[in-house]
């Protein structure tokens, strides 16, 4: 059974654009590479042909995975989310209890995570630890580096 994932409209649009690129640009390009390699003669000793066929297999797997992801994607309706708790698409301001550093993250789906943009996945240890928390709560989060404690300072959309 496939897993349902929740996306922002922008995140789902990016997935659809990537799928379009794979199907309408990269797939024809690889087909052309295979045709050119086939025209060069003996396929049993043709490294270009083998490489193009391998690339085609990888591309087709990626297309299938994206099609499944998009088929199981659900858009998030911000108006229906409890704004008093941290959920996907919430921007959460937290304070690390160990060093008193404050930072702000937006909780997003795995495919939208980008640490440079301060977007963390709800499937990451910190993302999981923040989900469902309220302002003022301290989240105990098990990370690869050990236990961390974050105080929820603010939640916004």
N, C-alpha and C. Protein backbone atom coordinates (compact mmCIF):
# COMPACT_ATOMS: atom_id res chain seq x y z
N UNK A 1 0.84 -1.18 0.00
CA UNK A 1 0.00 0.00 0.00
C UNK A 1 0.88 1.24 0.00
N UNK A 2 0.52 2.23 -0.79
CA UNK A 2 1.31 3.43 -0.91
C UNK A 2 1.02 4.39 0.24
N UNK A 3 2.02 5.17 0.56
CA UNK A 3 1.91 6.10 1.66
C UNK A 3 1.36 7.43 1.15
N UNK A 4 0.40 7.98 1.86
CA UNK A 4 -0.15 9.30 1.52
C UNK A 4 0.76 10.34 2.14
N UNK A 5 1.13 11.34 1.33
CA UNK A 5 1.94 12.45 1.81
C UNK A 5 1.19 13.74 1.56
N UNK A 6 1.42 14.70 2.42
CA UNK A 6 0.73 15.99 2.34
C UNK A 6 1.70 17.03 1.80
N UNK A 7 1.19 17.87 0.90
CA UNK A 7 2.03 18.86 0.23
C UNK A 7 1.35 20.21 0.21
N UNK A 8 2.19 21.23 0.16
CA UNK A 8 1.69 22.58 -0.10
C UNK A 8 1.40 22.64 -1.60
N UNK A 9 0.59 23.59 -2.04
CA UNK A 9 0.35 23.71 -3.49
C UNK A 9 1.64 23.88 -4.28
N UNK A 10 2.60 24.64 -3.74
CA UNK A 10 3.87 24.85 -4.42
C UNK A 10 4.68 23.56 -4.51
N UNK A 11 4.69 22.80 -3.44
CA UNK A 11 5.43 21.54 -3.43
C UNK A 11 4.88 20.53 -4.41
N UNK A 12 3.56 20.43 -4.49
CA UNK A 12 2.94 19.50 -5.44
C UNK A 12 3.19 19.97 -6.87
N UNK A 13 3.15 21.27 -7.09
CA UNK A 13 3.42 21.81 -8.43
C UNK A 13 4.85 21.48 -8.87
N UNK A 14 5.80 21.57 -7.96
CA UNK A 14 7.20 21.22 -8.29
C UNK A 14 7.31 19.76 -8.72
N UNK A 15 6.61 18.88 -8.01
CA UNK A 15 6.62 17.47 -8.38
C UNK A 15 6.04 17.26 -9.78
N UNK A 16 4.94 17.94 -10.07
CA UNK A 16 4.32 17.81 -11.39
C UNK A 16 5.22 18.35 -12.49
N UNK A 17 5.92 19.44 -12.21
CA UNK A 17 6.85 20.01 -13.19
C UNK A 17 8.03 19.06 -13.44
N UNK A 18 8.52 18.45 -12.37
CA UNK A 18 9.61 17.48 -12.52
C UNK A 18 9.16 16.29 -13.36
N UNK A 19 7.96 15.79 -13.12
CA UNK A 19 7.43 14.67 -13.88
C UNK A 19 7.28 15.05 -15.36
N UNK A 20 6.78 16.23 -15.62
CA UNK A 20 6.64 16.70 -17.00
C UNK A 20 8.00 16.73 -17.70
N UNK A 21 9.01 17.26 -17.00
CA UNK A 21 10.38 17.33 -17.55
C UNK A 21 10.90 15.93 -17.88
N UNK A 22 10.71 14.99 -16.96
CA UNK A 22 11.19 13.63 -17.18
C UNK A 22 10.51 12.98 -18.38
N UNK A 23 9.20 13.15 -18.48
CA UNK A 23 8.44 12.49 -19.55
C UNK A 23 8.63 13.16 -20.90
N UNK A 24 8.59 14.48 -20.94
CA UNK A 24 8.55 15.19 -22.21
C UNK A 24 9.90 15.70 -22.71
N UNK A 25 10.92 15.69 -21.85
CA UNK A 25 12.24 16.16 -22.28
C UNK A 25 13.28 15.04 -22.18
N UNK A 26 13.41 14.47 -20.99
CA UNK A 26 14.47 13.49 -20.79
C UNK A 26 14.18 12.14 -21.46
N UNK A 27 12.92 11.68 -21.42
CA UNK A 27 12.58 10.40 -22.05
C UNK A 27 12.87 10.43 -23.55
N UNK A 28 12.42 11.47 -24.30
CA UNK A 28 12.75 11.51 -25.73
C UNK A 28 14.26 11.63 -25.99
N UNK A 29 14.98 12.35 -25.13
CA UNK A 29 16.42 12.48 -25.31
C UNK A 29 17.12 11.13 -25.17
N UNK A 30 16.71 10.34 -24.19
CA UNK A 30 17.31 9.01 -24.01
C UNK A 30 16.93 8.09 -25.16
N UNK A 31 15.69 8.19 -25.63
CA UNK A 31 15.28 7.39 -26.79
C UNK A 31 16.15 7.70 -28.00
N UNK A 32 16.47 8.98 -28.18
CA UNK A 32 17.35 9.38 -29.29
C UNK A 32 18.76 8.81 -29.11
N UNK A 33 19.26 8.82 -27.88
CA UNK A 33 20.59 8.26 -27.60
C UNK A 33 20.61 6.77 -27.92
N UNK A 34 19.55 6.06 -27.56
CA UNK A 34 19.48 4.62 -27.84
C UNK A 34 19.45 4.39 -29.35
N UNK A 35 18.65 5.19 -30.06
CA UNK A 35 18.56 5.04 -31.52
C UNK A 35 19.91 5.30 -32.19
N UNK A 36 20.61 6.34 -31.74
CA UNK A 36 21.93 6.66 -32.31
C UNK A 36 22.92 5.54 -32.03
N UNK A 37 22.91 5.02 -30.81
CA UNK A 37 23.83 3.94 -30.45
C UNK A 37 23.52 2.68 -31.24
N UNK A 38 22.23 2.41 -31.46
CA UNK A 38 21.81 1.23 -32.21
C UNK A 38 22.30 1.33 -33.67
N UNK A 39 22.30 2.54 -34.21
CA UNK A 39 22.74 2.75 -35.60
C UNK A 39 24.23 2.51 -35.79
N UNK A 40 24.98 2.47 -34.69
CA UNK A 40 26.43 2.31 -34.79
C UNK A 40 26.87 0.87 -34.96
N UNK A 41 25.92 -0.04 -34.99
CA UNK A 41 26.30 -1.42 -35.30
C UNK A 41 26.07 -2.40 -34.18
N UNK A 42 27.00 -3.34 -34.04
CA UNK A 42 26.91 -4.48 -33.13
C UNK A 42 26.56 -4.05 -31.71
N UNK A 43 25.39 -4.45 -31.24
CA UNK A 43 24.93 -4.04 -29.91
C UNK A 43 25.62 -4.80 -28.79
N UNK A 44 26.18 -5.96 -29.10
CA UNK A 44 26.81 -6.77 -28.05
C UNK A 44 28.08 -6.12 -27.49
N UNK A 45 28.71 -5.25 -28.27
CA UNK A 45 29.94 -4.59 -27.81
C UNK A 45 29.79 -3.07 -27.87
N UNK A 46 28.59 -2.59 -27.70
CA UNK A 46 28.32 -1.16 -27.84
C UNK A 46 28.08 -0.56 -26.44
N UNK A 47 29.12 0.07 -25.89
CA UNK A 47 29.03 0.65 -24.54
C UNK A 47 28.03 1.81 -24.50
N UNK A 48 27.95 2.58 -25.58
CA UNK A 48 27.00 3.70 -25.61
C UNK A 48 25.57 3.18 -25.50
N UNK A 49 25.28 2.11 -26.18
CA UNK A 49 23.94 1.53 -26.15
C UNK A 49 23.62 1.03 -24.74
N UNK A 50 24.57 0.32 -24.13
CA UNK A 50 24.36 -0.20 -22.77
C UNK A 50 24.13 0.94 -21.78
N UNK A 51 24.92 2.01 -21.90
CA UNK A 51 24.78 3.16 -20.99
C UNK A 51 23.42 3.83 -21.18
N UNK A 52 23.00 3.98 -22.43
CA UNK A 52 21.72 4.63 -22.71
C UNK A 52 20.56 3.77 -22.19
N UNK A 53 20.64 2.45 -22.35
CA UNK A 53 19.59 1.56 -21.85
C UNK A 53 19.52 1.61 -20.31
N UNK A 54 20.68 1.67 -19.68
CA UNK A 54 20.71 1.76 -18.21
C UNK A 54 20.10 3.08 -17.75
N UNK A 55 20.45 4.17 -18.44
CA UNK A 55 19.88 5.48 -18.11
C UNK A 55 18.37 5.48 -18.30
N UNK A 56 17.92 4.79 -19.34
CA UNK A 56 16.49 4.69 -19.60
C UNK A 56 15.79 3.95 -18.46
N UNK A 57 16.38 2.88 -17.97
CA UNK A 57 15.80 2.13 -16.86
C UNK A 57 15.69 2.97 -15.60
N UNK A 58 16.73 3.72 -15.30
CA UNK A 58 16.73 4.59 -14.12
C UNK A 58 15.67 5.67 -14.27
N UNK A 59 15.59 6.26 -15.46
CA UNK A 59 14.60 7.30 -15.73
C UNK A 59 13.17 6.75 -15.57
N UNK A 60 12.92 5.57 -16.11
CA UNK A 60 11.58 4.99 -16.01
C UNK A 60 11.21 4.67 -14.56
N UNK A 61 12.18 4.26 -13.76
CA UNK A 61 11.91 4.01 -12.33
C UNK A 61 11.55 5.33 -11.64
N UNK A 62 12.29 6.39 -11.97
CA UNK A 62 12.02 7.70 -11.37
C UNK A 62 10.63 8.20 -11.77
N UNK A 63 10.27 8.03 -13.04
CA UNK A 63 8.95 8.44 -13.51
C UNK A 63 7.86 7.68 -12.76
N UNK A 64 8.02 6.37 -12.63
CA UNK A 64 7.02 5.55 -11.94
C UNK A 64 6.87 5.99 -10.48
N UNK A 65 8.00 6.27 -9.83
CA UNK A 65 7.97 6.70 -8.42
C UNK A 65 7.25 8.04 -8.29
N UNK A 66 7.57 8.98 -9.18
CA UNK A 66 6.92 10.28 -9.13
C UNK A 66 5.42 10.18 -9.40
N UNK A 67 5.05 9.34 -10.37
CA UNK A 67 3.62 9.16 -10.66
C UNK A 67 2.88 8.61 -9.45
N UNK A 68 3.49 7.68 -8.74
CA UNK A 68 2.88 7.12 -7.53
C UNK A 68 2.79 8.18 -6.44
N UNK A 69 3.86 8.94 -6.27
CA UNK A 69 3.88 10.00 -5.26
C UNK A 69 2.77 11.02 -5.53
N UNK A 70 2.65 11.44 -6.78
CA UNK A 70 1.63 12.44 -7.14
C UNK A 70 0.23 11.85 -6.97
N UNK A 71 0.06 10.59 -7.33
CA UNK A 71 -1.25 9.95 -7.19
C UNK A 71 -1.68 9.86 -5.72
N UNK A 72 -0.71 9.74 -4.82
CA UNK A 72 -1.01 9.62 -3.39
C UNK A 72 -0.84 10.93 -2.63
N UNK A 73 -0.61 12.01 -3.35
CA UNK A 73 -0.41 13.31 -2.71
C UNK A 73 -1.75 13.93 -2.32
N UNK A 74 -1.74 14.62 -1.22
CA UNK A 74 -2.91 15.36 -0.77
C UNK A 74 -2.48 16.79 -0.47
N UNK A 75 -3.28 17.74 -0.93
CA UNK A 75 -2.99 19.14 -0.65
C UNK A 75 -3.44 19.48 0.77
N UNK A 76 -2.71 20.36 1.38
CA UNK A 76 -3.02 20.78 2.74
C UNK A 76 -3.94 21.98 2.68
N UNK A 77 -5.03 21.92 3.42
CA UNK A 77 -5.95 23.04 3.54
C UNK A 77 -5.62 23.77 4.83
N UNK A 78 -4.90 24.90 4.69
CA UNK A 78 -4.46 25.66 5.86
C UNK A 78 -5.61 26.12 6.73
N UNK A 79 -6.77 26.36 6.15
CA UNK A 79 -7.89 26.88 6.92
C UNK A 79 -8.44 25.83 7.90
N UNK A 80 -8.16 24.56 7.65
CA UNK A 80 -8.71 23.50 8.49
C UNK A 80 -7.73 23.05 9.59
N UNK A 81 -6.55 23.67 9.63
CA UNK A 81 -5.53 23.24 10.59
C UNK A 81 -5.64 24.03 11.89
N UNK A 82 -5.53 23.33 13.00
CA UNK A 82 -5.52 23.95 14.32
C UNK A 82 -4.24 24.79 14.44
N UNK A 83 -4.42 26.10 14.52
CA UNK A 83 -3.27 27.00 14.51
C UNK A 83 -2.59 27.14 15.88
N UNK A 84 -3.14 26.48 16.90
CA UNK A 84 -2.53 26.56 18.22
C UNK A 84 -1.43 25.50 18.40
N UNK A 85 -1.33 24.59 17.44
CA UNK A 85 -0.34 23.52 17.52
C UNK A 85 0.52 23.51 16.26
N UNK A 86 1.70 22.91 16.36
CA UNK A 86 2.61 22.82 15.22
C UNK A 86 2.21 21.64 14.33
N UNK A 87 1.91 21.93 13.08
CA UNK A 87 1.59 20.91 12.09
C UNK A 87 2.34 21.22 10.81
N UNK A 88 2.16 20.39 9.81
CA UNK A 88 2.81 20.63 8.53
C UNK A 88 2.40 22.01 8.01
N UNK A 89 3.35 22.73 7.48
CA UNK A 89 3.27 24.11 6.98
C UNK A 89 3.26 25.15 8.10
N UNK A 90 3.40 24.73 9.35
CA UNK A 90 3.55 25.69 10.44
C UNK A 90 4.99 26.20 10.45
N UNK A 91 5.14 27.46 10.77
CA UNK A 91 6.47 28.01 11.03
C UNK A 91 6.61 28.06 12.54
N UNK A 92 7.63 27.39 13.04
CA UNK A 92 7.79 27.22 14.48
C UNK A 92 9.11 27.86 14.92
N UNK A 93 9.01 28.78 15.87
CA UNK A 93 10.20 29.39 16.45
C UNK A 93 10.51 28.62 17.72
N UNK A 94 11.76 28.12 17.80
CA UNK A 94 12.16 27.28 18.94
C UNK A 94 13.44 27.80 19.58
N UNK A 95 13.63 27.42 20.84
CA UNK A 95 14.87 27.76 21.55
C UNK A 95 15.49 26.46 22.05
N UNK A 96 16.75 26.25 21.67
CA UNK A 96 17.50 25.09 22.15
C UNK A 96 17.81 25.33 23.62
N UNK A 97 17.35 24.43 24.48
CA UNK A 97 17.52 24.59 25.92
C UNK A 97 18.99 24.48 26.35
N UNK A 98 19.82 23.81 25.58
CA UNK A 98 21.22 23.62 25.96
C UNK A 98 22.05 24.89 25.75
N UNK A 99 21.82 25.60 24.63
CA UNK A 99 22.67 26.76 24.33
C UNK A 99 21.87 28.06 24.16
N UNK A 100 20.59 28.00 24.39
CA UNK A 100 19.68 29.14 24.32
C UNK A 100 19.58 29.79 22.92
N UNK A 101 20.06 29.08 21.90
CA UNK A 101 19.96 29.60 20.53
C UNK A 101 18.52 29.48 20.05
N UNK A 102 18.04 30.52 19.39
CA UNK A 102 16.70 30.51 18.83
C UNK A 102 16.79 30.36 17.32
N UNK A 103 15.86 29.61 16.77
CA UNK A 103 15.79 29.45 15.31
C UNK A 103 14.35 29.22 14.92
N UNK A 104 14.08 29.35 13.64
CA UNK A 104 12.73 29.21 13.14
C UNK A 104 12.74 28.25 11.96
N UNK A 105 11.82 27.30 11.96
CA UNK A 105 11.71 26.33 10.88
C UNK A 105 10.27 26.26 10.40
N UNK A 106 10.11 25.98 9.12
CA UNK A 106 8.80 25.66 8.58
C UNK A 106 8.76 24.15 8.39
N UNK A 107 7.72 23.52 8.91
CA UNK A 107 7.56 22.06 8.80
C UNK A 107 6.91 21.75 7.45
N UNK A 108 7.58 20.92 6.67
CA UNK A 108 7.10 20.60 5.31
C UNK A 108 7.20 19.10 5.05
N UNK A 109 6.68 18.69 3.90
CA UNK A 109 6.80 17.30 3.46
C UNK A 109 8.26 17.01 3.12
N UNK A 110 8.62 15.74 3.15
CA UNK A 110 10.00 15.30 2.89
C UNK A 110 10.55 15.89 1.59
N UNK A 111 9.76 15.86 0.53
CA UNK A 111 10.25 16.32 -0.76
C UNK A 111 10.45 17.83 -0.83
N UNK A 112 9.88 18.58 0.11
CA UNK A 112 10.01 20.03 0.11
C UNK A 112 11.10 20.52 1.07
N UNK A 113 11.67 19.62 1.85
CA UNK A 113 12.66 20.02 2.86
C UNK A 113 13.88 20.66 2.20
N UNK A 114 14.32 21.76 2.81
CA UNK A 114 15.49 22.49 2.33
C UNK A 114 16.03 23.29 3.50
N UNK A 115 17.12 22.84 4.08
CA UNK A 115 17.65 23.46 5.29
C UNK A 115 18.08 24.91 5.04
N UNK A 116 18.57 25.21 3.84
CA UNK A 116 18.97 26.60 3.53
C UNK A 116 17.78 27.55 3.61
N UNK A 117 16.59 27.04 3.28
CA UNK A 117 15.37 27.85 3.35
C UNK A 117 14.67 27.70 4.69
N UNK A 118 15.32 26.99 5.61
CA UNK A 118 14.78 26.72 6.95
C UNK A 118 13.47 25.95 6.88
N UNK A 119 13.41 25.00 5.94
CA UNK A 119 12.27 24.10 5.81
C UNK A 119 12.74 22.71 6.18
N UNK A 120 12.14 22.15 7.24
CA UNK A 120 12.54 20.80 7.66
C UNK A 120 11.36 19.85 7.50
N UNK A 121 11.70 18.62 7.23
CA UNK A 121 10.70 17.59 7.00
C UNK A 121 10.00 17.20 8.29
N UNK A 122 8.71 16.94 8.18
CA UNK A 122 7.97 16.44 9.34
C UNK A 122 8.39 15.01 9.67
N UNK A 123 9.16 14.38 8.77
CA UNK A 123 9.67 13.03 9.01
C UNK A 123 11.05 13.03 9.67
N UNK A 124 11.67 14.21 9.79
CA UNK A 124 12.98 14.30 10.43
C UNK A 124 12.79 14.20 11.95
N UNK A 125 13.85 13.89 12.69
CA UNK A 125 13.70 13.80 14.15
C UNK A 125 13.14 15.09 14.77
N UNK A 126 13.66 16.23 14.37
CA UNK A 126 13.18 17.50 14.95
C UNK A 126 11.74 17.76 14.49
N UNK A 127 11.46 17.53 13.20
CA UNK A 127 10.11 17.73 12.70
C UNK A 127 9.10 16.87 13.44
N UNK A 128 9.42 15.59 13.62
CA UNK A 128 8.52 14.68 14.36
C UNK A 128 8.32 15.16 15.79
N UNK A 129 9.41 15.63 16.40
CA UNK A 129 9.33 16.08 17.80
C UNK A 129 8.50 17.33 17.99
N UNK A 130 8.41 18.16 16.94
CA UNK A 130 7.65 19.41 17.05
C UNK A 130 6.17 19.24 16.71
N UNK A 131 5.84 18.23 15.94
CA UNK A 131 4.45 18.03 15.51
C UNK A 131 3.50 17.92 16.70
N UNK A 132 2.44 18.69 16.64
CA UNK A 132 1.40 18.63 17.66
C UNK A 132 1.70 19.41 18.92
N UNK A 133 2.86 20.03 18.99
CA UNK A 133 3.23 20.78 20.20
C UNK A 133 2.61 22.17 20.20
N UNK A 134 2.43 22.73 21.40
CA UNK A 134 1.87 24.07 21.60
C UNK A 134 2.97 25.02 22.06
N UNK A 135 2.70 26.31 21.93
CA UNK A 135 3.62 27.34 22.43
C UNK A 135 3.80 27.13 23.93
N UNK A 136 5.05 27.20 24.37
CA UNK A 136 5.37 27.03 25.78
C UNK A 136 5.81 25.62 26.14
N UNK A 137 5.47 24.65 25.32
CA UNK A 137 5.88 23.27 25.58
C UNK A 137 7.36 23.09 25.27
N UNK A 138 7.97 22.13 25.96
CA UNK A 138 9.36 21.75 25.66
C UNK A 138 9.32 20.36 25.02
N UNK A 139 9.88 20.30 23.82
CA UNK A 139 9.91 19.03 23.09
C UNK A 139 11.23 18.32 23.36
N UNK A 140 11.14 17.07 23.81
CA UNK A 140 12.33 16.23 24.00
C UNK A 140 12.50 15.44 22.70
N UNK A 141 13.62 15.69 22.03
CA UNK A 141 13.80 15.10 20.70
C UNK A 141 15.08 14.26 20.68
N UNK A 142 14.92 13.02 20.27
CA UNK A 142 16.06 12.11 20.14
C UNK A 142 16.65 12.29 18.75
N UNK A 143 17.88 12.77 18.69
CA UNK A 143 18.59 12.97 17.42
C UNK A 143 19.79 12.03 17.40
N UNK A 144 20.43 11.88 16.24
CA UNK A 144 21.63 11.03 16.19
C UNK A 144 22.71 11.49 17.18
N UNK A 145 22.71 12.77 17.53
CA UNK A 145 23.69 13.29 18.47
C UNK A 145 23.28 13.18 19.92
N UNK A 146 22.10 12.64 20.18
CA UNK A 146 21.62 12.49 21.55
C UNK A 146 20.32 13.25 21.76
N UNK A 147 19.88 13.31 23.01
CA UNK A 147 18.64 14.00 23.34
C UNK A 147 18.82 15.51 23.29
N UNK A 148 17.84 16.18 22.71
CA UNK A 148 17.85 17.65 22.67
C UNK A 148 16.50 18.12 23.18
N UNK A 149 16.49 19.31 23.76
CA UNK A 149 15.28 19.88 24.30
C UNK A 149 15.05 21.24 23.65
N UNK A 150 13.86 21.40 23.04
CA UNK A 150 13.52 22.65 22.38
C UNK A 150 12.23 23.19 22.97
N UNK A 151 12.27 24.46 23.36
CA UNK A 151 11.07 25.14 23.83
C UNK A 151 10.38 25.79 22.63
N UNK A 152 9.07 25.59 22.52
CA UNK A 152 8.30 26.19 21.44
C UNK A 152 7.97 27.62 21.85
N UNK A 153 8.51 28.59 21.10
CA UNK A 153 8.31 30.00 21.43
C UNK A 153 7.13 30.60 20.68
N UNK A 154 6.94 30.18 19.43
CA UNK A 154 5.92 30.79 18.59
C UNK A 154 5.54 29.85 17.45
N UNK A 155 4.27 29.87 17.09
CA UNK A 155 3.79 29.08 15.96
C UNK A 155 3.00 30.02 15.05
N UNK A 156 3.34 30.01 13.76
CA UNK A 156 2.61 30.86 12.82
C UNK A 156 2.40 30.08 11.53
N UNK A 157 1.64 30.63 10.63
CA UNK A 157 1.35 30.02 9.33
C UNK A 157 1.95 30.84 8.25
